[in-house]
């Protein structure tokens, strides 16, 4: 009987040890690969700081999935000082000025502690001057007098698509500078105050780049 009990006990011990090995293997499994969805910002002008922090450094925010604590952002292959928190969807990194001193398109990706890397996303450094901006479409391109389109708290939102837009570009509506948001070299958004939409007419619209170059006139109709 004693011999049988001893064998039974040995079997239990072996089962417990085997279970422990399985758990260790599970814990040792590699983390899911990170994946990037977006960068903020995606553009800057050569030598121009962005997302400036209190200490004067430029910060790049990355959004995605599986951005676990301890992950590092790479910019054009160079590891950056990175902050990642409890939320595995976001991380932020400090980008030294020398990395965006020259125009170009640079790849950004995230690397986990085990060496697993994410998909790359492009970060574009634009030249401070370039060809004249071009307007291709206005949306909307017309409205009724006194009627605000795409209403916002301070007016109507006008979308301008085209080419060669630079950060800091301004939309001119009947010669007046509008509050303008740079989306990309192909897209701007501007806020048209209600006061500019009261009278019927053919309204000239232009884009003025930071280097002083203007687009040709596009027409916005107020009926």
C-alpha atoms as a PDB file:
ATOM      1  CA  UNK A   1       0.000   0.000   0.000  1.00  0.00           C
ATOM      2  CA  UNK A   2       2.796   2.390   0.908  1.00  0.00           C
ATOM      3  CA  UNK A   3       4.368   1.713  -2.453  1.00  0.00           C
ATOM      4  CA  UNK A   4       1.103   2.520  -4.237  1.00  0.00           C
ATOM      5  CA  UNK A   5       0.652   5.773  -2.270  1.00  0.00           C
ATOM      6  CA  UNK A   6       4.203   6.807  -3.148  1.00  0.00           C
ATOM      7  CA  UNK A   7       3.578   6.233  -6.839  1.00  0.00           C
ATOM      8  CA  UNK A   8       0.311   8.176  -6.616  1.00  0.00           C
ATOM      9  CA  UNK A   9       2.108  11.100  -4.946  1.00  0.00           C
ATOM     10  CA  UNK A  10       4.877  11.076  -7.527  1.00  0.00           C
ATOM     11  CA  UNK A  11       2.218  11.213 -10.275  1.00  0.00           C
ATOM     12  CA  UNK A  12       0.582  14.256  -8.645  1.00  0.00           C
ATOM     13  CA  UNK A  13       3.940  16.044  -8.370  1.00  0.00           C
ATOM     14  CA  UNK A  14       4.764  15.359 -11.996  1.00  0.00           C
ATOM     15  CA  UNK A  15       1.358  16.702 -13.058  1.00  0.00           C
ATOM     16  CA  UNK A  16       1.876  19.914 -11.043  1.00  0.00           C
ATOM     17  CA  UNK A  17       5.358  20.403 -12.506  1.00  0.00           C
ATOM     18  CA  UNK A  18       4.038  19.868 -16.017  1.00  0.00           C
ATOM     19  CA  UNK A  19       1.284  22.426 -15.443  1.00  0.00           C
ATOM     20  CA  UNK A  20       3.863  24.917 -14.186  1.00  0.00           C
ATOM     21  CA  UNK A  21       5.940  24.419 -17.326  1.00  0.00           C
ATOM     22  CA  UNK A  22       2.898  25.079 -19.488  1.00  0.00           C
ATOM     23  CA  UNK A  23       2.204  28.311 -17.622  1.00  0.00           C
ATOM     24  CA  UNK A  24       5.808  29.426 -18.045  1.00  0.00           C
ATOM     25  CA  UNK A  25       5.595  28.727 -21.767  1.00  0.00           C
ATOM     26  CA  UNK A  26       2.376  30.748 -21.963  1.00  0.00           C
ATOM     27  CA  UNK A  27       3.977  33.672 -20.138  1.00  0.00           C
ATOM     28  CA  UNK A  28       6.979  33.450 -22.442  1.00  0.00           C
ATOM     29  CA  UNK A  29       4.871  33.783 -25.570  1.00  0.00           C
ATOM     30  CA  UNK A  30       5.851  36.817 -27.698  1.00  0.00           C
ATOM     31  CA  UNK A  31       3.717  39.931 -27.415  1.00  0.00           C
ATOM     32  CA  UNK A  32       1.330  40.736 -30.263  1.00  0.00           C
ATOM     33  CA  UNK A  33       3.007  42.783 -32.961  1.00  0.00           C
ATOM     34  CA  UNK A  34       2.462  46.549 -32.680  1.00  0.00           C
ATOM     35  CA  UNK A  35       0.493  48.316 -35.398  1.00  0.00           C
ATOM     36  CA  UNK A  36       0.477  52.042 -36.188  1.00  0.00           C
ATOM     37  CA  UNK A  37      -2.668  53.863 -37.296  1.00  0.00           C
ATOM     38  CA  UNK A  38      -1.618  57.529 -37.279  1.00  0.00           C
ATOM     39  CA  UNK A  39       1.089  60.066 -36.502  1.00  0.00           C
ATOM     40  CA  UNK A  40       0.509  63.523 -35.051  1.00  0.00           C
ATOM     41  CA  UNK A  41       1.711  65.605 -36.708  1.00  0.00           C
ATOM     42  CA  UNK A  42       2.376  63.994 -40.092  1.00  0.00           C
ATOM     43  CA  UNK A  43       4.064  67.068 -41.596  1.00  0.00           C
ATOM     44  CA  UNK A  44       6.430  69.846 -40.667  1.00  0.00           C
ATOM     45  CA  UNK A  45       8.603  72.372 -42.491  1.00  0.00           C
ATOM     46  CA  UNK A  46      12.352  71.749 -42.560  1.00  0.00           C
ATOM     47  CA  UNK A  47      13.904  73.028 -39.336  1.00  0.00           C
ATOM     48  CA  UNK A  48      10.537  74.018 -37.831  1.00  0.00           C
ATOM     49  CA  UNK A  49       9.696  72.532 -34.441  1.00  0.00           C
ATOM     50  CA  UNK A  50       6.331  70.878 -33.835  1.00  0.00           C
ATOM     51  CA  UNK A  51       4.257  69.954 -30.767  1.00  0.00           C
ATOM     52  CA  UNK A  52       6.742  72.060 -28.808  1.00  0.00           C
ATOM     53  CA  UNK A  53       7.034  70.994 -25.171  1.00  0.00           C
ATOM     54  CA  UNK A  54       7.852  73.244 -22.181  1.00  0.00           C
ATOM     55  CA  UNK A  55      11.540  72.343 -22.491  1.00  0.00           C
ATOM     56  CA  UNK A  56      11.528  73.306 -26.185  1.00  0.00           C
ATOM     57  CA  UNK A  57      11.754  69.819 -27.709  1.00  0.00           C
ATOM     58  CA  UNK A  58       9.553  68.562 -30.550  1.00  0.00           C
ATOM     59  CA  UNK A  59       7.208  65.697 -29.673  1.00  0.00           C
ATOM     60  CA  UNK A  60       5.778  63.144 -32.075  1.00  0.00           C
ATOM     61  CA  UNK A  61       2.648  61.259 -31.029  1.00  0.00           C
ATOM     62  CA  UNK A  62       1.911  57.802 -32.431  1.00  0.00           C
ATOM     63  CA  UNK A  63      -1.435  56.047 -32.294  1.00  0.00           C
ATOM     64  CA  UNK A  64      -2.062  52.374 -32.883  1.00  0.00           C
ATOM     65  CA  UNK A  65      -2.442  49.023 -31.168  1.00  0.00           C
ATOM     66  CA  UNK A  66      -0.174  46.907 -28.944  1.00  0.00           C
ATOM     67  CA  UNK A  67       2.101  49.844 -28.119  1.00  0.00           C
ATOM     68  CA  UNK A  68       3.130  48.252 -24.834  1.00  0.00           C
ATOM     69  CA  UNK A  69       5.094  49.903 -22.055  1.00  0.00           C
ATOM     70  CA  UNK A  70       8.757  49.938 -22.948  1.00  0.00           C
ATOM     71  CA  UNK A  71       8.221  50.207 -26.695  1.00  0.00           C
ATOM     72  CA  UNK A  72      10.472  52.589 -28.617  1.00  0.00           C
ATOM     73  CA  UNK A  73       9.758  54.801 -31.622  1.00  0.00           C
ATOM     74  CA  UNK A  74      12.199  54.739 -34.512  1.00  0.00           C
ATOM     75  CA  UNK A  75      12.484  57.732 -36.846  1.00  0.00           C
ATOM     76  CA  UNK A  76      14.317  56.946 -40.083  1.00  0.00           C
ATOM     77  CA  UNK A  77      15.847  53.993 -38.222  1.00  0.00           C
ATOM     78  CA  UNK A  78      17.035  55.988 -35.202  1.00  0.00           C
ATOM     79  CA  UNK A  79      15.711  55.032 -31.759  1.00  0.00           C
ATOM     80  CA  UNK A  80      14.005  57.961 -30.033  1.00  0.00           C
ATOM     81  CA  UNK A  81      13.431  58.768 -26.388  1.00  0.00           C
ATOM     82  CA  UNK A  82       9.921  57.362 -25.979  1.00  0.00           C
ATOM     83  CA  UNK A  83       7.169  57.574 -23.382  1.00  0.00           C
ATOM     84  CA  UNK A  84       4.526  54.842 -23.345  1.00  0.00           C
ATOM     85  CA  UNK A  85       1.849  54.520 -20.691  1.00  0.00           C
ATOM     86  CA  UNK A  86      -0.756  52.090 -19.469  1.00  0.00           C
ATOM     87  CA  UNK A  87      -2.869  52.646 -22.571  1.00  0.00           C
ATOM     88  CA  UNK A  88      -1.284  50.519 -25.286  1.00  0.00           C
ATOM     89  CA  UNK A  89      -2.840  52.661 -28.037  1.00  0.00           C
ATOM     90  CA  UNK A  90      -0.573  55.691 -27.670  1.00  0.00           C
ATOM     91  CA  UNK A  91       3.091  56.587 -27.315  1.00  0.00           C
ATOM     92  CA  UNK A  92       5.090  59.800 -27.691  1.00  0.00           C
ATOM     93  CA  UNK A  93       8.696  60.424 -28.637  1.00  0.00           C
ATOM     94  CA  UNK A  94      11.177  63.299 -28.694  1.00  0.00           C
ATOM     95  CA  UNK A  95      12.490  64.054 -32.197  1.00  0.00           C
ATOM     96  CA  UNK A  96      15.908  65.807 -32.289  1.00  0.00           C
ATOM     97  CA  UNK A  97      16.043  68.837 -34.656  1.00  0.00           C
ATOM     98  CA  UNK A  98      18.730  67.249 -36.854  1.00  0.00           C
ATOM     99  CA  UNK A  99      16.236  64.559 -37.925  1.00  0.00           C
ATOM    100  CA  UNK A 100      13.873  67.084 -39.537  1.00  0.00           C
ATOM    101  CA  UNK A 101      16.425  69.628 -40.717  1.00  0.00           C
ATOM    102  CA  UNK A 102      16.135  68.607 -44.380  1.00  0.00           C
ATOM    103  CA  UNK A 103      13.072  68.058 -46.620  1.00  0.00           C
ATOM    104  CA  UNK A 104      12.166  64.453 -47.254  1.00  0.00           C
ATOM    105  CA  UNK A 105       9.826  61.603 -46.382  1.00  0.00           C
ATOM    106  CA  UNK A 106      10.965  59.613 -43.345  1.00  0.00           C
ATOM    107  CA  UNK A 107       9.648  56.286 -42.069  1.00  0.00           C
ATOM    108  CA  UNK A 108       8.423  56.028 -38.472  1.00  0.00           C
ATOM    109  CA  UNK A 109       7.747  52.742 -36.721  1.00  0.00           C
ATOM    110  CA  UNK A 110       7.579  51.248 -33.234  1.00  0.00           C
ATOM    111  CA  UNK A 111       9.786  48.492 -31.840  1.00  0.00           C
ATOM    112  CA  UNK A 112       8.911  46.346 -28.834  1.00  0.00           C
ATOM    113  CA  UNK A 113      11.426  45.188 -26.242  1.00  0.00           C
ATOM    114  CA  UNK A 114      11.565  41.738 -27.877  1.00  0.00           C
ATOM    115  CA  UNK A 115      12.493  43.265 -31.231  1.00  0.00           C
ATOM    116  CA  UNK A 116       9.058  42.965 -32.834  1.00  0.00           C
ATOM    117  CA  UNK A 117       8.375  45.954 -35.096  1.00  0.00           C
ATOM    118  CA  UNK A 118       5.250  47.657 -36.392  1.00  0.00           C
ATOM    119  CA  UNK A 119       4.298  48.751 -39.858  1.00  0.00           C
ATOM    120  CA  UNK A 120       5.970  52.043 -40.919  1.00  0.00           C
ATOM    121  CA  UNK A 121       4.150  55.332 -41.499  1.00  0.00           C
ATOM    122  CA  UNK A 122       5.534  58.323 -43.424  1.00  0.00           C
ATOM    123  CA  UNK A 123       6.503  61.608 -41.758  1.00  0.00           C
ATOM    124  CA  UNK A 124       6.993  64.359 -44.345  1.00  0.00           C
ATOM    125  CA  UNK A 125       9.387  67.279 -43.937  1.00  0.00           C
ATOM    126  CA  UNK A 126       8.411  69.972 -46.433  1.00  0.00           C
ATOM    127  CA  UNK A 127      10.667  72.703 -47.847  1.00  0.00           C
ATOM    128  CA  UNK A 128      10.030  76.233 -46.526  1.00  0.00           C
ATOM    129  CA  UNK A 129       9.256  77.395 -50.068  1.00  0.00           C
ATOM    130  CA  UNK A 130       8.003  75.715 -53.196  1.00  0.00           C
ATOM    131  CA  UNK A 131       5.751  76.018 -56.234  1.00  0.00           C
ATOM    132  CA  UNK A 132       2.693  78.252 -56.069  1.00  0.00           C
ATOM    133  CA  UNK A 133      -0.312  76.600 -54.421  1.00  0.00           C
ATOM    134  CA  UNK A 134      -3.100  75.283 -56.633  1.00  0.00           C
ATOM    135  CA  UNK A 135      -6.807  75.046 -55.895  1.00  0.00           C
ATOM    136  CA  UNK A 136      -8.634  72.121 -57.467  1.00  0.00           C
ATOM    137  CA  UNK A 137     -11.968  72.087 -55.633  1.00  0.00           C
ATOM    138  CA  UNK A 138     -13.954  73.987 -53.038  1.00  0.00           C
ATOM    139  CA  UNK A 139     -16.498  72.160 -50.912  1.00  0.00           C
ATOM    140  CA  UNK A 140     -19.043  73.498 -50.913  1.00  0.00           C
ATOM    141  CA  UNK A 141     -18.581  75.841 -53.864  1.00  0.00           C
ATOM    142  CA  UNK A 142     -21.821  77.780 -53.373  1.00  0.00           C
ATOM    143  CA  UNK A 143     -24.500  78.721 -50.859  1.00  0.00           C
ATOM    144  CA  UNK A 144     -27.603  80.881 -50.470  1.00  0.00           C
ATOM    145  CA  UNK A 145     -27.143  84.417 -49.133  1.00  0.00           C
ATOM    146  CA  UNK A 146     -27.347  84.438 -45.349  1.00  0.00           C
ATOM    147  CA  UNK A 147     -27.156  80.656 -45.093  1.00  0.00           C
ATOM    148  CA  UNK A 148     -24.233  79.087 -43.233  1.00  0.00           C
ATOM    149  CA  UNK A 149     -22.938  75.811 -44.696  1.00  0.00           C
ATOM    150  CA  UNK A 150     -21.267  73.069 -42.639  1.00  0.00           C
ATOM    151  CA  UNK A 151     -22.107  75.155 -39.551  1.00  0.00           C
ATOM    152  CA  UNK A 152     -19.456  75.614 -36.874  1.00  0.00           C
ATOM    153  CA  UNK A 153     -19.588  77.800 -33.740  1.00  0.00           C
ATOM    154  CA  UNK A 154     -18.077  80.808 -35.580  1.00  0.00           C
ATOM    155  CA  UNK A 155     -19.127  80.279 -39.196  1.00  0.00           C
ATOM    156  CA  UNK A 156     -19.124  77.730 -41.997  1.00  0.00           C
ATOM    157  CA  UNK A 157     -16.398  75.168 -42.704  1.00  0.00           C
ATOM    158  CA  UNK A 158     -14.947  75.391 -46.206  1.00  0.00           C
ATOM    159  CA  UNK A 159     -12.766  72.550 -47.518  1.00  0.00           C
ATOM    160  CA  UNK A 160     -10.124  73.389 -50.123  1.00  0.00           C
ATOM    161  CA  UNK A 161      -8.321  70.650 -52.040  1.00  0.00           C
ATOM    162  CA  UNK A 162      -5.396  71.202 -54.368  1.00  0.00           C
ATOM    163  CA  UNK A 163      -1.609  70.942 -54.351  1.00  0.00           C
ATOM    164  CA  UNK A 164       1.553  72.581 -52.963  1.00  0.00           C
ATOM    165  CA  UNK A 165      -0.042  73.819 -49.730  1.00  0.00           C
ATOM    166  CA  UNK A 166       2.444  74.512 -46.941  1.00  0.00           C
ATOM    167  CA  UNK A 167       1.878  74.573 -43.165  1.00  0.00           C
ATOM    168  CA  UNK A 168       0.790  78.098 -42.320  1.00  0.00           C
ATOM    169  CA  UNK A 169      -1.070  78.552 -45.618  1.00  0.00           C
ATOM    170  CA  UNK A 170      -4.094  80.871 -45.421  1.00  0.00           C
ATOM    171  CA  UNK A 171      -7.338  80.809 -47.396  1.00  0.00           C
ATOM    172  CA  UNK A 172      -8.382  84.233 -48.705  1.00  0.00           C
ATOM    173  CA  UNK A 173     -12.138  84.746 -49.133  1.00  0.00           C
ATOM    174  CA  UNK A 174     -12.985  87.981 -50.940  1.00  0.00           C
ATOM    175  CA  UNK A 175      -9.498  89.108 -49.930  1.00  0.00           C
ATOM    176  CA  UNK A 176     -10.029  88.417 -46.230  1.00  0.00           C
ATOM    177  CA  UNK A 177      -7.786  85.983 -44.389  1.00  0.00           C
ATOM    178  CA  UNK A 178      -9.733  83.094 -42.933  1.00  0.00           C
ATOM    179  CA  UNK A 179      -8.861  80.981 -39.915  1.00  0.00           C
ATOM    180  CA  UNK A 180      -7.207  78.066 -41.761  1.00  0.00           C
ATOM    181  CA  UNK A 181      -6.204  74.566 -40.675  1.00  0.00           C
ATOM    182  CA  UNK A 182      -3.494  72.739 -42.604  1.00  0.00           C
ATOM    183  CA  UNK A 183      -4.438  69.118 -43.230  1.00  0.00           C
ATOM    184  CA  UNK A 184      -1.860  68.134 -45.843  1.00  0.00           C
ATOM    185  CA  UNK A 185      -0.157  69.589 -48.942  1.00  0.00           C
ATOM    186  CA  UNK A 186      -3.401  68.693 -50.760  1.00  0.00           C
ATOM    187  CA  UNK A 187      -6.041  69.776 -48.218  1.00  0.00           C
ATOM    188  CA  UNK A 188      -6.954  72.839 -46.144  1.00  0.00           C
ATOM    189  CA  UNK A 189      -9.993  73.707 -44.037  1.00  0.00           C
ATOM    190  CA  UNK A 190     -11.099  77.264 -43.385  1.00  0.00           C
ATOM    191  CA  UNK A 191     -13.791  78.980 -41.316  1.00  0.00           C
ATOM    192  CA  UNK A 192     -15.953  81.470 -43.245  1.00  0.00           C
ATOM    193  CA  UNK A 193     -17.671  83.969 -40.899  1.00  0.00           C
ATOM    194  CA  UNK A 194     -21.414  84.470 -41.364  1.00  0.00           C
ATOM    195  CA  UNK A 195     -20.783  88.152 -42.111  1.00  0.00           C
ATOM    196  CA  UNK A 196     -19.073  87.207 -45.399  1.00  0.00           C
ATOM    197  CA  UNK A 197     -22.087  85.225 -46.621  1.00  0.00           C
ATOM    198  CA  UNK A 198     -24.802  87.872 -46.462  1.00  0.00           C
ATOM    199  CA  UNK A 199     -24.749  89.250 -50.009  1.00  0.00           C
ATOM    200  CA  UNK A 200     -25.129  87.411 -53.326  1.00  0.00           C
ATOM    201  CA  UNK A 201     -22.131  87.512 -55.619  1.00  0.00           C
ATOM    202  CA  UNK A 202     -19.131  85.859 -57.170  1.00  0.00           C
ATOM    203  CA  UNK A 203     -16.571  85.518 -54.377  1.00  0.00           C
ATOM    204  CA  UNK A 204     -12.873  85.053 -55.262  1.00  0.00           C
ATOM    205  CA  UNK A 205     -11.047  82.442 -53.202  1.00  0.00           C
ATOM    206  CA  UNK A 206      -7.266  82.015 -53.110  1.00  0.00           C
ATOM    207  CA  UNK A 207      -4.628  80.205 -51.055  1.00  0.00           C
ATOM    208  CA  UNK A 208      -1.658  82.225 -49.791  1.00  0.00           C
ATOM    209  CA  UNK A 209       1.400  80.201 -48.800  1.00  0.00           C
ATOM    210  CA  UNK A 210       3.849  81.209 -46.114  1.00  0.00           C
ATOM    211  CA  UNK A 211       6.417  82.111 -48.782  1.00  0.00           C
ATOM    212  CA  UNK A 212       4.066  84.721 -50.263  1.00  0.00           C
ATOM    213  CA  UNK A 213       3.010  82.703 -53.313  1.00  0.00           C
ATOM    214  CA  UNK A 214      -0.673  82.683 -54.218  1.00  0.00           C
ATOM    215  CA  UNK A 215      -2.896  80.318 -56.105  1.00  0.00           C
ATOM    216  CA  UNK A 216      -5.071  81.300 -59.012  1.00  0.00           C
ATOM    217  CA  UNK A 217      -8.562  82.452 -58.129  1.00  0.00           C
ATOM    218  CA  UNK A 218     -11.331  79.920 -57.592  1.00  0.00           C
ATOM    219  CA  UNK A 219     -14.954  81.084 -57.423  1.00  0.00           C
ATOM    220  CA  UNK A 220     -17.411  80.607 -54.599  1.00  0.00           C
ATOM    221  CA  UNK A 221     -20.989  81.538 -55.564  1.00  0.00           C
ATOM    222  CA  UNK A 222     -23.449  83.165 -53.165  1.00  0.00           C
ATOM    223  CA  UNK A 223     -26.878  83.027 -54.776  1.00  0.00           C
END
